[in-house]
């Protein structure tokens, strides 16, 4: 799974990052969504725009038109400090990506790509995030369960309340409960809240307590692990039988697993 697209190679959450991932033959992609001041869902991880654009401010206080005027690509450099070859010629490299544009690109692939959408909380808009998400998914007929040759959507969140809202709004969309290293131990023993059958584990949990993967598998849960970039972590996840590996480096991970 390409985390924020092929984000080691292209600016995260840009269409360029996702099209790069499609070209690699990934099994799916992951994106984060936030709500703008005028209630559009945009693919941005951080609460503020400062790290990944040439602007400043909080996403939820800025309108889509303003955000679309920012440069979302120039901050990105390769590991050696250079810009990727051809970056200046790619019109999508610095353009903000909305969820609608991402889903349009996904549906055009005509593949059953696993599509992980993480709703970010807390936010001033609360449940409006999930309501808007369901509205957009319905536009693409993606709330009625998995269909052939179409994206297979999963909604993820660290917020149990957000997942419960999704279950009420779109009960046929599978949910993934994200668990970070500092989470209470109840989520490490294989238990999950009622109605949720997939867990997204922080890779640091798997390093420290690999038995948690088996604990969830024994209960019939699907196990996702994020963010898996190091060779040792890739090999550990493969040995443990992790169902979904989420990585910034899908090209490298695919080569390791080949």
Protein backbone atom coordinates (compact mmCIF):
# COMPACT_ATOMS: atom_id res chain seq x y z
CA UNK A 1 0.00 0.00 0.00
CA UNK A 2 1.35 3.40 -1.03
CA UNK A 3 1.27 5.67 2.02
CA UNK A 4 0.12 9.13 0.85
CA UNK A 5 1.00 7.83 -2.61
CA UNK A 6 4.56 6.93 -3.53
CA UNK A 7 5.57 9.63 -1.08
CA UNK A 8 9.28 8.79 -0.99
CA UNK A 9 9.47 9.69 -4.69
CA UNK A 10 6.92 12.48 -5.14
CA UNK A 11 5.31 15.08 -2.87
CA UNK A 12 2.89 13.31 -0.55
CA UNK A 13 -0.83 13.47 -1.30
CA UNK A 14 -0.35 14.83 -4.82
CA UNK A 15 -1.79 13.19 -7.89
CA UNK A 16 1.78 12.72 -9.07
CA UNK A 17 2.48 10.58 -5.99
CA UNK A 18 -0.57 8.41 -6.62
CA UNK A 19 -0.03 7.98 -10.36
CA UNK A 20 3.55 6.95 -9.61
CA UNK A 21 2.13 4.33 -7.22
CA UNK A 22 -0.34 3.08 -9.83
CA UNK A 23 2.51 2.62 -12.26
CA UNK A 24 4.39 0.48 -9.75
CA UNK A 25 1.53 -2.00 -9.56
CA UNK A 26 0.66 -1.43 -5.91
CA UNK A 27 -2.27 -3.25 -4.34
CA UNK A 28 -3.69 0.01 -3.06
CA UNK A 29 -3.17 3.48 -1.65
CA UNK A 30 -3.67 5.41 1.57
CA UNK A 31 -4.73 9.04 2.00
CA UNK A 32 -5.65 11.40 4.81
CA UNK A 33 -8.55 13.82 4.47
CA UNK A 34 -9.27 17.13 6.12
CA UNK A 35 -12.18 19.52 5.73
CA UNK A 36 -11.62 23.07 4.47
CA UNK A 37 -13.46 26.14 5.74
CA UNK A 38 -15.92 25.80 2.86
CA UNK A 39 -16.37 22.07 3.53
CA UNK A 40 -14.31 20.42 0.80
CA UNK A 41 -12.32 17.30 1.61
CA UNK A 42 -8.67 17.69 0.69
CA UNK A 43 -5.86 15.16 0.90
CA UNK A 44 -3.52 16.64 3.49
CA UNK A 45 -2.01 14.95 6.54
CA UNK A 46 -1.12 17.86 8.80
CA UNK A 47 -3.51 20.19 10.58
CA UNK A 48 -1.53 23.11 9.16
CA UNK A 49 -0.36 23.69 5.59
CA UNK A 50 3.11 24.92 6.57
CA UNK A 51 5.16 21.70 6.18
CA UNK A 52 3.94 20.62 2.74
CA UNK A 53 3.17 23.91 0.99
CA UNK A 54 4.49 27.45 0.64
CA UNK A 55 1.63 28.80 2.73
CA UNK A 56 0.75 28.94 6.40
CA UNK A 57 -2.34 28.46 8.46
CA UNK A 58 -4.80 25.81 9.57
CA UNK A 59 -6.60 23.79 6.87
CA UNK A 60 -9.98 24.09 8.56
CA UNK A 61 -9.81 27.92 8.48
CA UNK A 62 -8.85 28.20 4.80
CA UNK A 63 -11.09 27.91 1.75
CA UNK A 64 -10.42 25.58 -1.14
CA UNK A 65 -9.66 28.40 -3.59
CA UNK A 66 -6.89 29.70 -1.33
CA UNK A 67 -5.43 26.24 -0.80
CA UNK A 68 -5.44 25.55 -4.54
CA UNK A 69 -3.33 28.65 -5.04
CA UNK A 70 -0.48 27.25 -2.93
CA UNK A 71 2.51 25.25 -4.14
CA UNK A 72 2.33 21.74 -2.66
CA UNK A 73 5.38 20.30 -4.38
CA UNK A 74 8.47 22.48 -4.15
CA UNK A 75 9.27 21.41 -0.57
CA UNK A 76 9.94 17.83 -1.67
CA UNK A 77 13.48 16.69 -2.38
CA UNK A 78 15.06 13.30 -2.80
CA UNK A 79 17.28 11.76 -0.15
CA UNK A 80 20.37 13.35 -1.73
CA UNK A 81 18.82 16.81 -1.55
CA UNK A 82 18.05 17.06 -5.27
CA UNK A 83 14.71 17.57 -6.96
CA UNK A 84 13.38 14.59 -8.95
CA UNK A 85 14.16 14.60 -12.65
CA UNK A 86 11.39 16.27 -14.64
CA UNK A 87 9.79 17.87 -11.56
CA UNK A 88 9.44 21.25 -13.28
CA UNK A 89 7.57 19.65 -16.19
CA UNK A 90 4.95 17.89 -14.06
CA UNK A 91 1.88 20.14 -13.64
CA UNK A 92 0.46 17.85 -10.94
CA UNK A 93 3.56 17.93 -8.77
CA UNK A 94 2.58 21.05 -6.85
CA UNK A 95 -1.20 20.96 -7.15
CA UNK A 96 -3.50 20.36 -4.20
CA UNK A 97 -5.43 17.10 -4.42
CA UNK A 98 -9.07 16.89 -3.38
CA UNK A 99 -10.65 13.59 -2.45
CA UNK A 100 -12.95 13.85 -5.46
CA UNK A 101 -10.00 14.11 -7.85
CA UNK A 102 -8.26 11.20 -6.17
CA UNK A 103 -11.35 8.99 -6.39
CA UNK A 104 -11.81 9.96 -10.03
CA UNK A 105 -8.23 8.86 -10.73
CA UNK A 106 -8.77 5.63 -8.81
CA UNK A 107 -11.99 4.69 -10.59
CA UNK A 108 -10.29 5.29 -13.95
CA UNK A 109 -7.80 2.55 -13.11
CA UNK A 110 -10.60 -0.04 -13.43
CA UNK A 111 -8.91 -2.10 -10.74
CA UNK A 112 -9.90 -3.34 -7.32
CA UNK A 113 -7.36 -1.14 -5.55
CA UNK A 114 -7.62 -1.11 -1.78
CA UNK A 115 -8.28 2.53 -0.91
CA UNK A 116 -7.63 3.57 2.68
CA UNK A 117 -9.13 6.90 3.68
CA UNK A 118 -8.12 8.22 7.09
CA UNK A 119 -10.28 10.89 8.70
CA UNK A 120 -8.18 13.21 10.86
CA UNK A 121 -9.38 14.18 14.32
CA UNK A 122 -9.81 16.19 16.46
CA UNK A 123 -11.19 18.95 14.25
CA UNK A 124 -13.54 21.86 14.74
CA UNK A 125 -16.00 20.21 12.33
CA UNK A 126 -16.43 16.96 14.25
CA UNK A 127 -18.90 14.62 12.57
CA UNK A 128 -19.22 16.81 9.48
CA UNK A 129 -15.99 15.19 8.24
CA UNK A 130 -17.59 11.75 8.07
CA UNK A 131 -20.85 13.13 6.63
CA UNK A 132 -18.96 14.86 3.83
CA UNK A 133 -16.88 11.74 3.26
CA UNK A 134 -19.98 9.61 2.79
CA UNK A 135 -21.44 12.22 0.43
CA UNK A 136 -18.33 12.08 -1.78
CA UNK A 137 -18.12 8.29 -1.68
CA UNK A 138 -21.76 8.05 -2.75
CA UNK A 139 -21.02 10.21 -5.78
CA UNK A 140 -18.72 7.41 -6.94
CA UNK A 141 -21.05 4.59 -5.80
CA UNK A 142 -18.49 3.44 -3.24
CA UNK A 143 -20.65 3.02 -0.14
CA UNK A 144 -22.45 -0.19 -1.06
CA UNK A 145 -19.63 -2.66 -0.56
CA UNK A 146 -16.80 -3.85 -2.79
CA UNK A 147 -17.57 -4.02 -6.52
CA UNK A 148 -15.59 -5.59 -9.37
CA UNK A 149 -13.05 -3.32 -11.09
CA UNK A 150 -13.67 -0.48 -8.65
CA UNK A 151 -11.74 0.84 -5.63
CA UNK A 152 -12.34 -1.12 -2.43
CA UNK A 153 -12.70 1.61 0.18
CA UNK A 154 -11.79 1.26 3.84
CA UNK A 155 -12.18 4.13 6.30
CA UNK A 156 -9.52 4.42 9.00
CA UNK A 157 -9.22 6.55 12.10
CA UNK A 158 -7.60 6.77 15.50
CA UNK A 159 -10.95 8.14 16.67
CA UNK A 160 -13.38 5.42 17.69
CA UNK A 161 -16.18 7.99 17.65
CA UNK A 162 -15.40 8.80 14.01
CA UNK A 163 -15.56 5.10 13.09
CA UNK A 164 -18.88 4.70 14.89
CA UNK A 165 -20.23 7.65 12.92
CA UNK A 166 -19.12 5.99 9.70
CA UNK A 167 -20.77 2.73 10.69
CA UNK A 168 -24.05 4.58 11.17
CA UNK A 169 -23.77 6.56 7.93
CA UNK A 170 -22.41 3.84 5.63
CA UNK A 171 -22.62 0.42 7.29
CA UNK A 172 -21.29 -1.42 4.23
CA UNK A 173 -17.94 0.43 4.25
CA UNK A 174 -15.38 -1.61 6.22
CA UNK A 175 -13.56 0.16 9.05
CA UNK A 176 -9.98 0.05 10.32
CA UNK A 177 -9.15 1.07 13.88
CA UNK A 178 -5.73 2.71 13.97
CA UNK A 179 -3.58 2.00 17.03
CA UNK A 180 -0.39 3.86 17.85
CA UNK A 181 2.43 2.82 20.15
CA UNK A 182 1.04 4.66 23.18
CA UNK A 183 -2.39 2.99 22.96
CA UNK A 184 -3.80 1.09 25.97
CA UNK A 185 -2.90 -2.59 26.07
CA UNK A 186 -6.52 -3.69 25.56
CA UNK A 187 -6.04 -3.17 21.84
CA UNK A 188 -2.87 -5.30 21.82
CA UNK A 189 -4.55 -8.52 22.94
CA UNK A 190 -6.54 -8.92 19.74
CA UNK A 191 -9.72 -7.23 20.96
CA UNK A 192 -11.41 -4.55 18.87
CA UNK A 193 -14.55 -2.45 19.36
CA UNK A 194 -17.80 -4.05 18.24
CA UNK A 195 -18.35 -3.85 14.51
CA UNK A 196 -14.70 -3.37 13.58
CA UNK A 197 -12.74 -6.32 12.18
CA UNK A 198 -9.49 -4.68 11.05
CA UNK A 199 -6.69 -3.04 12.98
CA UNK A 200 -3.99 -0.66 11.79
CA UNK A 201 -0.91 -1.11 13.95
CA UNK A 202 1.96 1.31 14.43
CA UNK A 203 5.06 -0.53 13.19
CA UNK A 204 6.73 0.22 16.55
CA UNK A 205 4.14 -1.99 18.24
CA UNK A 206 5.00 -4.85 15.89
CA UNK A 207 8.71 -4.40 16.57
CA UNK A 208 8.22 -4.53 20.32
CA UNK A 209 5.38 -7.03 20.58
CA UNK A 210 5.11 -9.08 17.37
CA UNK A 211 2.68 -11.47 19.05
CA UNK A 212 -0.02 -8.79 18.68
CA UNK A 213 -0.32 -9.75 15.00
CA UNK A 214 -1.13 -13.37 15.90
CA UNK A 215 -3.52 -12.19 18.61
CA UNK A 216 -5.59 -10.30 16.06
CA UNK A 217 -5.40 -13.06 13.48
CA UNK A 218 -6.71 -15.55 16.06
CA UNK A 219 -9.80 -13.37 16.39
CA UNK A 220 -10.23 -13.25 12.61
CA UNK A 221 -9.10 -9.65 12.21
CA UNK A 222 -7.28 -8.19 9.22
CA UNK A 223 -3.96 -6.63 10.25
CA UNK A 224 -2.58 -3.50 8.62
CA UNK A 225 0.82 -2.10 9.67
CA UNK A 226 2.08 1.45 9.12
CA UNK A 227 4.51 2.99 8.22
CA UNK A 228 6.82 0.21 7.03
CA UNK A 229 9.91 1.66 5.33
CA UNK A 230 12.90 -0.26 6.71
CA UNK A 231 13.99 -3.61 5.28
CA UNK A 232 13.89 -5.31 8.68
CA UNK A 233 10.34 -4.15 9.25
CA UNK A 234 9.24 -5.36 5.81
CA UNK A 235 10.76 -8.78 6.47
CA UNK A 236 9.23 -8.94 9.95
CA UNK A 237 5.76 -8.11 8.62
CA UNK A 238 6.09 -10.73 5.89
CA UNK A 239 7.20 -13.40 8.36
CA UNK A 240 4.30 -12.58 10.70
CA UNK A 241 1.76 -12.79 7.89
CA UNK A 242 0.64 -9.17 8.12
CA UNK A 243 -2.22 -8.67 5.67
CA UNK A 244 -1.46 -5.11 4.53
CA UNK A 245 1.89 -3.31 4.57
CA UNK A 246 1.61 0.48 4.27
CA UNK A 247 4.80 2.19 3.10
CA UNK A 248 6.19 5.48 1.80
CA UNK A 249 8.50 3.33 -0.36
CA UNK A 250 6.22 0.99 -2.34
CA UNK A 251 8.78 0.50 -5.12
CA UNK A 252 11.37 -0.74 -2.62
CA UNK A 253 8.92 -2.89 -0.65
CA UNK A 254 7.57 -4.56 -3.80
CA UNK A 255 11.14 -5.40 -4.84
CA UNK A 256 11.89 -6.91 -1.42
CA UNK A 257 8.75 -9.04 -1.48
CA UNK A 258 9.19 -10.16 -5.09
